[in-house]
Amino acid sequence: DPMLVVVENVPGFGTSAAGDILKTTLRRWGYHISEAVMDARDYGGIQSRRRYHMVAGVFPGYEHPAPQERNTTPIWPIVEARLHECRDITDSYAITSPKAVERGGNYITRESTYCPTIIKSQDRLVKDGCYIADGGRIYAPSPALIKDLMSIPQDEEGFVTSWMAKEQEVELLGQSVDYSMHKALMGSIKDHLIENAGNRTIVRT
């Protein structure tokens, strides 16, 4: 059996029937459960991505990383550096239709200190997508900017997605974890395992 199981899902999963079944099963198998809904902005991220995380381990006492102070500085320099790569969608019917105007949008502006959550269907100009509004124009973020907003290292760090078709690339990124939040979570899990098992390989037979 694995020493530790980590589950990442949408915030509602923890109180869903499927979540309850999973937790009950893991407890019956002897795992200790710790769960939390984390917001990337509380862990060094600049994206309002909220995700449910469950950590089930053989050792008791795991605690999720403590929230940190959120960014209060406008993120516009990050956006501006990539704006030339972004698609101008000002005249797109998905943006200018009466229904789109009525429902507003999730926009990054020069004053924004974080960005709305990047989603899978982002490139199809859906109502919940994250867009950029500046100078009377509206832009769809490029894949490289999406990586920056999700704190995902660029290609030279090994996260190569440029070989995909653009829509597929954006879909993959939109389903990804926020890198800063995930790094904080995995760091706390590593510390928990080292504290309880030591910095060595354990094999149970």
N, C-alpha and C. Protein backbone atom coordinates (compact mmCIF):
# COMPACT_ATOMS: atom_id res chain seq x y z
N ASP A 1 0.84 -1.19 0.00
CA ASP A 1 0.00 0.00 0.00
C ASP A 1 0.88 1.25 0.00
N PRO A 2 0.45 2.32 -0.65
CA PRO A 2 1.24 3.56 -0.63
C PRO A 2 1.28 4.16 0.76
N MET A 3 2.41 4.79 1.09
CA MET A 3 2.55 5.43 2.39
C MET A 3 1.67 6.67 2.49
N LEU A 4 1.42 7.30 1.34
CA LEU A 4 0.68 8.56 1.36
C LEU A 4 -0.07 8.73 0.05
N VAL A 5 -1.29 9.26 0.14
CA VAL A 5 -2.13 9.53 -1.03
C VAL A 5 -2.50 11.01 -1.02
N VAL A 6 -2.36 11.68 -2.16
CA VAL A 6 -2.73 13.08 -2.29
C VAL A 6 -3.81 13.21 -3.35
N VAL A 7 -4.90 13.91 -3.01
CA VAL A 7 -6.00 14.13 -3.94
C VAL A 7 -6.17 15.63 -4.15
N GLU A 8 -6.25 16.06 -5.40
CA GLU A 8 -6.52 17.45 -5.75
C GLU A 8 -7.79 17.48 -6.59
N ASN A 9 -8.72 18.37 -6.23
CA ASN A 9 -9.98 18.42 -6.95
C ASN A 9 -10.62 19.80 -6.75
N VAL A 10 -11.80 19.98 -7.32
CA VAL A 10 -12.53 21.23 -7.14
C VAL A 10 -12.97 21.34 -5.69
N PRO A 11 -13.21 22.56 -5.17
CA PRO A 11 -13.53 22.74 -3.75
C PRO A 11 -14.69 21.89 -3.25
N GLY A 12 -15.71 21.67 -4.08
CA GLY A 12 -16.88 20.93 -3.63
C GLY A 12 -16.67 19.44 -3.47
N PHE A 13 -15.54 18.92 -3.93
CA PHE A 13 -15.34 17.48 -3.88
C PHE A 13 -15.29 16.97 -2.44
N GLY A 14 -14.74 17.78 -1.55
CA GLY A 14 -14.58 17.33 -0.17
C GLY A 14 -15.89 17.04 0.54
N THR A 15 -16.97 17.69 0.13
CA THR A 15 -18.28 17.48 0.77
C THR A 15 -19.23 16.70 -0.14
N SER A 16 -18.72 16.19 -1.25
CA SER A 16 -19.57 15.42 -2.16
C SER A 16 -19.68 13.97 -1.71
N ALA A 17 -20.64 13.26 -2.31
CA ALA A 17 -20.80 11.84 -1.98
C ALA A 17 -19.55 11.05 -2.36
N ALA A 18 -18.98 11.38 -3.51
CA ALA A 18 -17.77 10.67 -3.94
C ALA A 18 -16.62 10.93 -2.98
N GLY A 19 -16.51 12.19 -2.51
CA GLY A 19 -15.47 12.51 -1.54
C GLY A 19 -15.66 11.77 -0.23
N ASP A 20 -16.91 11.69 0.24
CA ASP A 20 -17.19 10.98 1.49
C ASP A 20 -16.85 9.50 1.37
N ILE A 21 -17.18 8.91 0.24
CA ILE A 21 -16.88 7.48 0.03
C ILE A 21 -15.37 7.25 0.05
N LEU A 22 -14.65 8.13 -0.64
CA LEU A 22 -13.19 7.98 -0.70
C LEU A 22 -12.58 8.11 0.69
N LYS A 23 -12.99 9.11 1.44
CA LYS A 23 -12.42 9.31 2.78
C LYS A 23 -12.77 8.15 3.71
N THR A 24 -14.01 7.66 3.64
CA THR A 24 -14.42 6.54 4.48
C THR A 24 -13.59 5.30 4.16
N THR A 25 -13.38 5.06 2.89
CA THR A 25 -12.59 3.90 2.47
C THR A 25 -11.15 4.01 2.96
N LEU A 26 -10.55 5.17 2.79
CA LEU A 26 -9.16 5.35 3.22
C LEU A 26 -9.02 5.21 4.73
N ARG A 27 -9.99 5.72 5.48
CA ARG A 27 -9.94 5.59 6.94
C ARG A 27 -10.05 4.12 7.35
N ARG A 28 -10.89 3.36 6.66
CA ARG A 28 -11.02 1.93 6.97
C ARG A 28 -9.72 1.18 6.70
N TRP A 29 -8.95 1.69 5.77
CA TRP A 29 -7.65 1.08 5.44
C TRP A 29 -6.55 1.55 6.38
N GLY A 30 -6.90 2.43 7.31
CA GLY A 30 -5.92 2.85 8.30
C GLY A 30 -5.22 4.17 8.04
N TYR A 31 -5.67 4.90 7.04
CA TYR A 31 -5.03 6.19 6.73
C TYR A 31 -5.57 7.30 7.61
N HIS A 32 -4.70 8.24 7.93
CA HIS A 32 -5.09 9.46 8.64
C HIS A 32 -5.36 10.54 7.58
N ILE A 33 -6.50 11.21 7.70
CA ILE A 33 -6.95 12.15 6.67
C ILE A 33 -6.76 13.59 7.13
N SER A 34 -6.21 14.40 6.25
CA SER A 34 -6.15 15.84 6.46
C SER A 34 -6.63 16.50 5.17
N GLU A 35 -7.52 17.48 5.27
CA GLU A 35 -8.07 18.10 4.07
C GLU A 35 -8.19 19.61 4.25
N ALA A 36 -8.09 20.32 3.13
CA ALA A 36 -8.19 21.77 3.16
C ALA A 36 -8.51 22.28 1.76
N VAL A 37 -9.19 23.41 1.70
CA VAL A 37 -9.38 24.13 0.44
C VAL A 37 -8.34 25.25 0.42
N MET A 38 -7.45 25.19 -0.55
CA MET A 38 -6.34 26.14 -0.63
C MET A 38 -6.57 27.11 -1.79
N ASP A 39 -6.15 28.34 -1.59
CA ASP A 39 -6.23 29.38 -2.62
C ASP A 39 -4.81 29.73 -3.01
N ALA A 40 -4.51 29.68 -4.31
CA ALA A 40 -3.14 29.90 -4.77
C ALA A 40 -2.58 31.24 -4.31
N ARG A 41 -3.44 32.24 -4.14
CA ARG A 41 -2.97 33.56 -3.71
C ARG A 41 -2.38 33.55 -2.31
N ASP A 42 -2.71 32.52 -1.52
CA ASP A 42 -2.18 32.41 -0.16
C ASP A 42 -0.87 31.65 -0.10
N TYR A 43 -0.37 31.23 -1.26
CA TYR A 43 0.85 30.41 -1.29
C TYR A 43 1.82 30.89 -2.36
N GLY A 44 1.89 32.18 -2.54
CA GLY A 44 2.84 32.75 -3.47
C GLY A 44 2.35 32.88 -4.89
N GLY A 45 1.12 32.47 -5.17
CA GLY A 45 0.57 32.55 -6.51
C GLY A 45 -0.11 33.89 -6.77
N ILE A 46 -0.37 34.17 -8.05
CA ILE A 46 -1.08 35.39 -8.42
C ILE A 46 -2.36 35.07 -9.18
N GLN A 47 -2.87 33.88 -8.96
CA GLN A 47 -4.09 33.40 -9.60
C GLN A 47 -5.09 33.00 -8.53
N SER A 48 -6.35 33.34 -8.73
CA SER A 48 -7.37 33.04 -7.71
C SER A 48 -7.87 31.61 -7.84
N ARG A 49 -6.96 30.68 -7.93
CA ARG A 49 -7.32 29.27 -8.10
C ARG A 49 -7.52 28.62 -6.74
N ARG A 50 -8.74 28.15 -6.47
CA ARG A 50 -9.07 27.46 -5.23
C ARG A 50 -9.24 25.98 -5.53
N ARG A 51 -8.55 25.15 -4.74
CA ARG A 51 -8.62 23.72 -4.95
C ARG A 51 -8.67 22.98 -3.62
N TYR A 52 -9.42 21.89 -3.61
CA TYR A 52 -9.50 21.00 -2.46
C TYR A 52 -8.30 20.04 -2.51
N HIS A 53 -7.62 19.92 -1.38
CA HIS A 53 -6.51 18.97 -1.28
C HIS A 53 -6.73 18.06 -0.08
N MET A 54 -6.65 16.77 -0.33
CA MET A 54 -6.70 15.79 0.75
C MET A 54 -5.37 15.05 0.79
N VAL A 55 -4.83 14.93 2.00
CA VAL A 55 -3.61 14.17 2.21
C VAL A 55 -3.97 13.03 3.15
N ALA A 56 -3.80 11.80 2.68
CA ALA A 56 -4.09 10.61 3.48
C ALA A 56 -2.79 9.84 3.66
N GLY A 57 -2.35 9.70 4.92
CA GLY A 57 -1.06 9.06 5.16
C GLY A 57 -1.11 8.05 6.28
N VAL A 58 -0.07 7.24 6.35
CA VAL A 58 0.01 6.23 7.41
C VAL A 58 0.48 6.86 8.72
N PHE A 59 1.08 8.06 8.63
CA PHE A 59 1.53 8.76 9.84
C PHE A 59 0.52 9.85 10.19
N PRO A 60 0.13 9.96 11.45
CA PRO A 60 -0.81 11.02 11.85
C PRO A 60 -0.09 12.37 11.96
N GLY A 61 -0.88 13.43 12.06
CA GLY A 61 -0.33 14.73 12.40
C GLY A 61 0.04 15.64 11.24
N TYR A 62 -0.28 15.23 10.01
CA TYR A 62 0.06 16.13 8.90
C TYR A 62 -0.80 17.39 8.95
N GLU A 63 -0.18 18.54 8.71
CA GLU A 63 -0.90 19.81 8.63
C GLU A 63 -0.56 20.48 7.31
N HIS A 64 -1.59 21.00 6.64
CA HIS A 64 -1.38 21.71 5.39
C HIS A 64 -0.54 22.97 5.65
N PRO A 65 0.16 23.44 4.63
CA PRO A 65 0.98 24.65 4.82
C PRO A 65 0.13 25.84 5.22
N ALA A 66 0.68 26.67 6.10
CA ALA A 66 -0.06 27.85 6.58
C ALA A 66 -0.14 28.90 5.48
N PRO A 67 -1.28 29.57 5.34
CA PRO A 67 -1.40 30.64 4.34
C PRO A 67 -0.41 31.77 4.61
N GLN A 68 0.06 32.38 3.53
CA GLN A 68 0.97 33.51 3.61
C GLN A 68 0.24 34.79 3.18
N GLU A 69 0.89 35.92 3.34
CA GLU A 69 0.29 37.17 2.89
C GLU A 69 0.15 37.18 1.38
N ARG A 70 -0.95 37.73 0.90
CA ARG A 70 -1.19 37.78 -0.54
C ARG A 70 -0.45 38.94 -1.19
N ASN A 71 -0.22 38.80 -2.48
CA ASN A 71 0.41 39.85 -3.25
C ASN A 71 -0.47 41.09 -3.29
N THR A 72 0.13 42.25 -3.11
CA THR A 72 -0.62 43.51 -3.17
C THR A 72 -0.10 44.43 -4.27
N THR A 73 0.83 43.92 -5.08
CA THR A 73 1.42 44.72 -6.15
C THR A 73 0.75 44.40 -7.47
N PRO A 74 0.41 45.37 -8.28
CA PRO A 74 -0.20 45.09 -9.59
C PRO A 74 0.66 44.13 -10.41
N ILE A 75 0.01 43.19 -11.07
CA ILE A 75 0.72 42.19 -11.87
C ILE A 75 0.88 42.64 -13.32
N TRP A 76 0.54 43.90 -13.61
CA TRP A 76 0.58 44.37 -14.98
C TRP A 76 1.94 44.19 -15.67
N PRO A 77 3.09 44.40 -14.99
CA PRO A 77 4.37 44.17 -15.67
C PRO A 77 4.51 42.76 -16.25
N ILE A 78 3.95 41.76 -15.56
CA ILE A 78 3.98 40.38 -16.07
C ILE A 78 3.15 40.27 -17.34
N VAL A 79 1.97 40.90 -17.32
CA VAL A 79 1.07 40.86 -18.46
C VAL A 79 1.64 41.66 -19.63
N GLU A 80 2.12 42.85 -19.35
CA GLU A 80 2.61 43.74 -20.40
C GLU A 80 3.76 43.12 -21.18
N ALA A 81 4.61 42.35 -20.50
CA ALA A 81 5.75 41.73 -21.17
C ALA A 81 5.33 40.71 -22.21
N ARG A 82 4.11 40.20 -22.09
CA ARG A 82 3.61 39.17 -23.01
C ARG A 82 2.45 39.67 -23.87
N LEU A 83 2.06 40.93 -23.71
CA LEU A 83 0.85 41.41 -24.38
C LEU A 83 0.95 41.30 -25.90
N HIS A 84 2.15 41.44 -26.45
CA HIS A 84 2.32 41.34 -27.90
C HIS A 84 2.01 39.94 -28.42
N GLU A 85 2.02 38.94 -27.54
CA GLU A 85 1.73 37.56 -27.93
C GLU A 85 0.23 37.26 -27.85
N CYS A 86 -0.53 38.12 -27.19
CA CYS A 86 -1.92 37.82 -26.88
C CYS A 86 -2.85 38.19 -28.04
N ARG A 87 -3.90 37.42 -28.20
CA ARG A 87 -4.84 37.62 -29.30
C ARG A 87 -5.86 38.70 -28.97
N ASP A 88 -6.01 39.66 -29.87
CA ASP A 88 -7.00 40.71 -29.70
C ASP A 88 -8.37 40.14 -30.05
N ILE A 89 -9.26 40.09 -29.07
CA ILE A 89 -10.59 39.49 -29.26
C ILE A 89 -11.69 40.54 -29.07
N THR A 90 -11.32 41.81 -29.15
CA THR A 90 -12.28 42.89 -28.90
C THR A 90 -13.53 42.76 -29.76
N ASP A 91 -13.36 42.37 -31.02
CA ASP A 91 -14.47 42.32 -31.96
C ASP A 91 -15.13 40.94 -32.05
N SER A 92 -14.73 40.04 -31.17
CA SER A 92 -15.32 38.71 -31.17
C SER A 92 -16.75 38.77 -30.66
N TYR A 93 -17.66 38.08 -31.32
CA TYR A 93 -19.08 38.10 -30.90
C TYR A 93 -19.24 37.51 -29.51
N ALA A 94 -18.36 36.57 -29.16
CA ALA A 94 -18.44 35.97 -27.83
C ALA A 94 -18.20 37.00 -26.73
N ILE A 95 -17.51 38.07 -27.09
CA ILE A 95 -17.22 39.13 -26.13
C ILE A 95 -18.21 40.28 -26.25
N THR A 96 -18.64 40.59 -27.47
CA THR A 96 -19.46 41.78 -27.69
C THR A 96 -20.95 41.52 -27.75
N SER A 97 -21.37 40.26 -27.72
CA SER A 97 -22.80 39.96 -27.77
C SER A 97 -23.51 40.55 -26.56
N PRO A 98 -24.80 40.85 -26.67
CA PRO A 98 -25.54 41.43 -25.52
C PRO A 98 -25.43 40.60 -24.25
N LYS A 99 -25.47 39.28 -24.39
CA LYS A 99 -25.38 38.43 -23.21
C LYS A 99 -24.01 38.53 -22.57
N ALA A 100 -22.97 38.62 -23.41
CA ALA A 100 -21.61 38.73 -22.88
C ALA A 100 -21.43 40.05 -22.14
N VAL A 101 -21.96 41.11 -22.71
CA VAL A 101 -21.86 42.42 -22.08
C VAL A 101 -22.61 42.44 -20.75
N GLU A 102 -23.78 41.80 -20.74
CA GLU A 102 -24.62 41.77 -19.54
C GLU A 102 -23.95 41.03 -18.39
N ARG A 103 -23.28 39.94 -18.70
CA ARG A 103 -22.69 39.13 -17.63
C ARG A 103 -21.32 39.64 -17.19
N GLY A 104 -20.77 40.63 -17.91
CA GLY A 104 -19.46 41.15 -17.53
C GLY A 104 -18.36 40.19 -17.93
N GLY A 105 -17.28 40.16 -17.19
CA GLY A 105 -16.18 39.28 -17.54
C GLY A 105 -15.13 39.23 -16.45
N ASN A 106 -14.23 38.29 -16.61
CA ASN A 106 -13.12 38.14 -15.69
C ASN A 106 -11.89 38.78 -16.33
N TYR A 107 -11.64 40.03 -16.01
CA TYR A 107 -10.60 40.78 -16.71
C TYR A 107 -9.42 41.12 -15.82
N ILE A 108 -8.24 41.05 -16.44
CA ILE A 108 -7.04 41.58 -15.83
C ILE A 108 -6.88 43.01 -16.34
N THR A 109 -6.65 43.93 -15.44
CA THR A 109 -6.43 45.33 -15.81
C THR A 109 -5.07 45.78 -15.26
N ARG A 110 -4.73 47.01 -15.52
CA ARG A 110 -3.46 47.55 -15.02
C ARG A 110 -3.41 47.61 -13.49
N GLU A 111 -4.57 47.59 -12.85
CA GLU A 111 -4.62 47.67 -11.39
C GLU A 111 -4.70 46.31 -10.71
N SER A 112 -4.90 45.24 -11.46
CA SER A 112 -5.11 43.91 -10.87
C SER A 112 -3.89 43.44 -10.08
N THR A 113 -4.16 42.89 -8.91
CA THR A 113 -3.07 42.29 -8.11
C THR A 113 -3.08 40.77 -8.20
N TYR A 114 -4.06 40.22 -8.90
CA TYR A 114 -4.11 38.78 -9.18
C TYR A 114 -4.94 38.59 -10.43
N CYS A 115 -4.92 37.38 -10.97
CA CYS A 115 -5.73 37.11 -12.15
C CYS A 115 -6.82 36.11 -11.81
N PRO A 116 -7.95 36.15 -12.54
CA PRO A 116 -8.98 35.13 -12.35
C PRO A 116 -8.43 33.74 -12.69
N THR A 117 -9.13 32.72 -12.25
CA THR A 117 -8.69 31.35 -12.50
C THR A 117 -8.66 31.04 -14.00
N ILE A 118 -7.55 30.49 -14.44
CA ILE A 118 -7.43 30.03 -15.82
C ILE A 118 -8.20 28.71 -15.93
N ILE A 119 -9.01 28.55 -16.98
CA ILE A 119 -9.82 27.34 -17.11
C ILE A 119 -9.50 26.60 -18.40
N LYS A 120 -9.96 25.36 -18.46
CA LYS A 120 -9.66 24.47 -19.58
C LYS A 120 -10.14 25.04 -20.91
N SER A 121 -11.34 25.58 -20.95
CA SER A 121 -11.94 26.05 -22.19
C SER A 121 -11.61 27.50 -22.50
N GLN A 122 -10.59 28.01 -21.87
CA GLN A 122 -10.15 29.39 -21.99
C GLN A 122 -10.03 29.87 -23.44
N ASP A 123 -9.45 29.07 -24.29
CA ASP A 123 -9.16 29.50 -25.67
C ASP A 123 -10.41 29.59 -26.54
N ARG A 124 -11.54 29.06 -26.04
CA ARG A 124 -12.78 29.11 -26.81
C ARG A 124 -13.64 30.32 -26.45
N LEU A 125 -13.06 31.25 -25.70
CA LEU A 125 -13.71 32.51 -25.33
C LEU A 125 -15.01 32.29 -24.57
N VAL A 126 -14.98 31.39 -23.62
CA VAL A 126 -16.16 31.10 -22.81
C VAL A 126 -16.36 32.21 -21.77
N LYS A 127 -17.56 32.26 -21.20
CA LYS A 127 -17.92 33.36 -20.30
C LYS A 127 -17.06 33.41 -19.05
N ASP A 128 -16.55 32.26 -18.58
CA ASP A 128 -15.77 32.24 -17.34
C ASP A 128 -14.28 32.37 -17.59
N GLY A 129 -13.89 32.63 -18.82
CA GLY A 129 -12.47 32.72 -19.15
C GLY A 129 -11.82 33.95 -18.54
N CYS A 130 -10.51 33.95 -18.51
CA CYS A 130 -9.73 35.07 -18.01
C CYS A 130 -9.21 35.87 -19.20
N TYR A 131 -9.52 37.16 -19.23
CA TYR A 131 -9.12 38.01 -20.35
C TYR A 131 -8.42 39.27 -19.83
N ILE A 132 -7.84 40.01 -20.75
CA ILE A 132 -7.11 41.23 -20.43
C ILE A 132 -7.85 42.41 -21.04
N ALA A 133 -8.12 43.43 -20.25
CA ALA A 133 -8.79 44.64 -20.74
C ALA A 133 -7.85 45.82 -20.57
N ASP A 134 -7.53 46.48 -21.70
CA ASP A 134 -6.62 47.62 -21.62
C ASP A 134 -6.80 48.53 -22.84
N GLY A 135 -6.88 49.80 -22.61
CA GLY A 135 -6.96 50.76 -23.70
C GLY A 135 -8.15 50.57 -24.61
N GLY A 136 -9.26 50.10 -24.06
CA GLY A 136 -10.44 49.87 -24.87
C GLY A 136 -10.40 48.59 -25.68
N ARG A 137 -9.37 47.78 -25.50
CA ARG A 137 -9.25 46.51 -26.22
C ARG A 137 -9.31 45.35 -25.22
N ILE A 138 -9.68 44.18 -25.73
CA ILE A 138 -9.73 42.97 -24.91
C ILE A 138 -8.87 41.91 -25.57
N TYR A 139 -8.07 41.23 -24.76
CA TYR A 139 -7.13 40.24 -25.28
C TYR A 139 -7.31 38.90 -24.56
N ALA A 140 -7.02 37.83 -25.30
CA ALA A 140 -6.97 36.50 -24.71
C ALA A 140 -5.51 36.18 -24.41
N PRO A 141 -5.17 35.75 -23.20
CA PRO A 141 -3.77 35.52 -22.86
C PRO A 141 -3.14 34.40 -23.69
N SER A 142 -1.89 34.58 -24.03
CA SER A 142 -1.15 33.57 -24.77
C SER A 142 -0.78 32.42 -23.84
N PRO A 143 -0.42 31.25 -24.38
CA PRO A 143 0.01 30.14 -23.52
C PRO A 143 1.18 30.52 -22.61
N ALA A 144 2.13 31.30 -23.13
CA ALA A 144 3.27 31.68 -22.30
C ALA A 144 2.83 32.57 -21.14
N LEU A 145 1.88 33.47 -21.39
CA LEU A 145 1.38 34.32 -20.31
C LEU A 145 0.60 33.49 -19.30
N ILE A 146 -0.17 32.52 -19.78
CA ILE A 146 -0.91 31.64 -18.87
C ILE A 146 0.06 30.94 -17.93
N LYS A 147 1.19 30.47 -18.46
CA LYS A 147 2.20 29.84 -17.60
C LYS A 147 2.69 30.82 -16.54
N ASP A 148 2.97 32.05 -16.97
CA ASP A 148 3.44 33.05 -16.01
C ASP A 148 2.40 33.30 -14.92
N LEU A 149 1.14 33.39 -15.31
CA LEU A 149 0.07 33.67 -14.35
C LEU A 149 -0.15 32.50 -13.39
N MET A 150 0.15 31.28 -13.85
CA MET A 150 0.01 30.09 -13.01
C MET A 150 1.33 29.70 -12.36
N SER A 151 2.33 30.57 -12.49
CA SER A 151 3.69 30.37 -11.94
C SER A 151 4.32 29.07 -12.42
N ILE A 152 3.96 28.63 -13.61
CA ILE A 152 4.54 27.42 -14.19
C ILE A 152 5.84 27.78 -14.91
N PRO A 153 6.95 27.13 -14.60
CA PRO A 153 8.20 27.42 -15.30
C PRO A 153 8.05 27.29 -16.81
N GLN A 154 8.77 28.12 -17.54
CA GLN A 154 8.70 28.10 -19.00
C GLN A 154 9.49 26.93 -19.58
N ASP A 155 9.51 26.82 -20.90
CA ASP A 155 10.04 25.65 -21.59
C ASP A 155 11.45 25.27 -21.16
N GLU A 156 12.30 26.27 -20.95
CA GLU A 156 13.69 25.95 -20.63
C GLU A 156 13.83 25.22 -19.31
N GLU A 157 12.78 25.26 -18.49
CA GLU A 157 12.79 24.53 -17.22
C GLU A 157 12.24 23.11 -17.37
N GLY A 158 11.81 22.77 -18.56
CA GLY A 158 11.35 21.41 -18.79
C GLY A 158 9.86 21.24 -18.96
N PHE A 159 9.07 22.31 -18.81
CA PHE A 159 7.62 22.23 -18.97
C PHE A 159 7.28 22.61 -20.42
N VAL A 160 7.55 21.69 -21.33
CA VAL A 160 7.40 21.97 -22.76
C VAL A 160 5.98 21.63 -23.20
N THR A 161 5.26 22.64 -23.67
CA THR A 161 3.90 22.42 -24.19
C THR A 161 3.74 22.99 -25.60
N SER A 162 4.78 23.62 -26.10
CA SER A 162 4.69 24.33 -27.38
C SER A 162 4.52 23.40 -28.57
N TRP A 163 4.76 22.10 -28.39
CA TRP A 163 4.61 21.15 -29.49
C TRP A 163 3.13 20.85 -29.79
N MET A 164 2.24 21.24 -28.87
CA MET A 164 0.82 20.98 -29.06
C MET A 164 0.17 22.06 -29.93
N ALA A 165 -0.99 21.72 -30.47
CA ALA A 165 -1.84 22.75 -31.08
C ALA A 165 -2.24 23.72 -29.97
N LYS A 166 -2.41 25.00 -30.31
CA LYS A 166 -2.61 26.03 -29.30
C LYS A 166 -3.81 25.74 -28.40
N GLU A 167 -4.94 25.33 -28.98
CA GLU A 167 -6.11 25.06 -28.15
C GLU A 167 -5.85 23.93 -27.17
N GLN A 168 -5.14 22.89 -27.63
CA GLN A 168 -4.80 21.78 -26.74
C GLN A 168 -3.84 22.24 -25.64
N GLU A 169 -2.91 23.10 -26.02
CA GLU A 169 -1.95 23.62 -25.05
C GLU A 169 -2.66 24.39 -23.94
N VAL A 170 -3.60 25.26 -24.32
CA VAL A 170 -4.33 26.04 -23.34
C VAL A 170 -5.22 25.13 -22.48
N GLU A 171 -5.82 24.11 -23.08
CA GLU A 171 -6.65 23.17 -22.32
C GLU A 171 -5.81 22.46 -21.26
N LEU A 172 -4.62 22.02 -21.65
CA LEU A 172 -3.74 21.32 -20.69
C LEU A 172 -3.35 22.25 -19.54
N LEU A 173 -2.95 23.48 -19.89
CA LEU A 173 -2.57 24.43 -18.85
C LEU A 173 -3.74 24.77 -17.94
N GLY A 174 -4.94 24.90 -18.53
CA GLY A 174 -6.11 25.24 -17.75
C GLY A 174 -6.51 24.16 -16.76
N GLN A 175 -6.07 22.94 -16.99
CA GLN A 175 -6.35 21.84 -16.06
C GLN A 175 -5.21 21.59 -15.08
N SER A 176 -4.13 22.35 -15.24
CA SER A 176 -2.95 22.13 -14.41
C SER A 176 -3.12 22.73 -13.02
N VAL A 177 -2.24 22.33 -12.12
CA VAL A 177 -2.22 22.91 -10.78
C VAL A 177 -1.48 24.24 -10.83
N ASP A 178 -1.79 25.12 -9.88
CA ASP A 178 -0.99 26.32 -9.74
C ASP A 178 0.35 25.90 -9.14
N TYR A 179 1.42 26.23 -9.83
CA TYR A 179 2.74 25.71 -9.47
C TYR A 179 3.16 26.13 -8.06
N SER A 180 2.96 27.41 -7.72
CA SER A 180 3.37 27.89 -6.40
C SER A 180 2.62 27.17 -5.28
N MET A 181 1.31 27.03 -5.45
CA MET A 181 0.51 26.36 -4.43
C MET A 181 0.90 24.89 -4.31
N HIS A 182 1.09 24.23 -5.45
CA HIS A 182 1.45 22.81 -5.43
C HIS A 182 2.83 22.60 -4.81
N LYS A 183 3.74 23.52 -5.10
CA LYS A 183 5.09 23.41 -4.52
C LYS A 183 5.04 23.54 -3.01
N ALA A 184 4.21 24.47 -2.50
CA ALA A 184 4.06 24.63 -1.05
C ALA A 184 3.47 23.37 -0.43
N LEU A 185 2.46 22.79 -1.09
CA LEU A 185 1.83 21.57 -0.59
C LEU A 185 2.82 20.41 -0.55
N MET A 186 3.53 20.20 -1.66
CA MET A 186 4.47 19.09 -1.72
C MET A 186 5.63 19.27 -0.76
N GLY A 187 6.03 20.53 -0.54
CA GLY A 187 7.09 20.78 0.43
C GLY A 187 6.69 20.39 1.84
N SER A 188 5.45 20.70 2.21
CA SER A 188 4.97 20.34 3.54
C SER A 188 4.82 18.83 3.69
N ILE A 189 4.43 18.17 2.61
CA ILE A 189 4.30 16.72 2.64
C ILE A 189 5.68 16.06 2.79
N LYS A 190 6.65 16.57 2.06
CA LYS A 190 8.01 16.05 2.17
C LYS A 190 8.54 16.19 3.60
N ASP A 191 8.32 17.37 4.21
CA ASP A 191 8.77 17.58 5.58
C ASP A 191 8.09 16.61 6.53
N HIS A 192 6.79 16.36 6.31
CA HIS A 192 6.04 15.43 7.16
C HIS A 192 6.61 14.01 7.06
N LEU A 193 6.93 13.58 5.85
CA LEU A 193 7.47 12.23 5.66
C LEU A 193 8.87 12.10 6.27
N ILE A 194 9.70 13.11 6.08
CA ILE A 194 11.05 13.06 6.65
C ILE A 194 11.00 13.04 8.17
N GLU A 195 10.07 13.82 8.74
CA GLU A 195 9.93 13.85 10.19
C GLU A 195 9.53 12.50 10.76
N ASN A 196 8.68 11.78 10.03
CA ASN A 196 8.16 10.52 10.55
C ASN A 196 8.91 9.28 10.07
N ALA A 197 9.46 9.34 8.86
CA ALA A 197 10.11 8.15 8.31
C ALA A 197 11.60 8.33 8.11
N GLY A 198 12.08 9.55 8.23
CA GLY A 198 13.48 9.80 7.98
C GLY A 198 13.74 9.97 6.50
N ASN A 199 14.89 10.47 6.16
CA ASN A 199 15.25 10.74 4.76
C ASN A 199 15.86 9.49 4.15
N ARG A 200 15.04 8.44 4.02
CA ARG A 200 15.51 7.17 3.49
C ARG A 200 14.37 6.45 2.81
N THR A 201 14.68 5.45 2.06
CA THR A 201 13.67 4.63 1.38
C THR A 201 13.14 3.57 2.32
N ILE A 202 11.83 3.43 2.37
CA ILE A 202 11.20 2.40 3.22
C ILE A 202 10.43 1.43 2.35
N VAL A 203 10.66 0.15 2.56
CA VAL A 203 9.93 -0.89 1.83
C VAL A 203 9.24 -1.78 2.85
N ARG A 204 7.91 -1.90 2.74
CA ARG A 204 7.16 -2.76 3.64
C ARG A 204 6.80 -4.04 2.92
N THR A 205 7.13 -5.18 3.53
CA THR A 205 6.84 -6.48 2.91
C THR A 205 5.80 -7.23 3.72
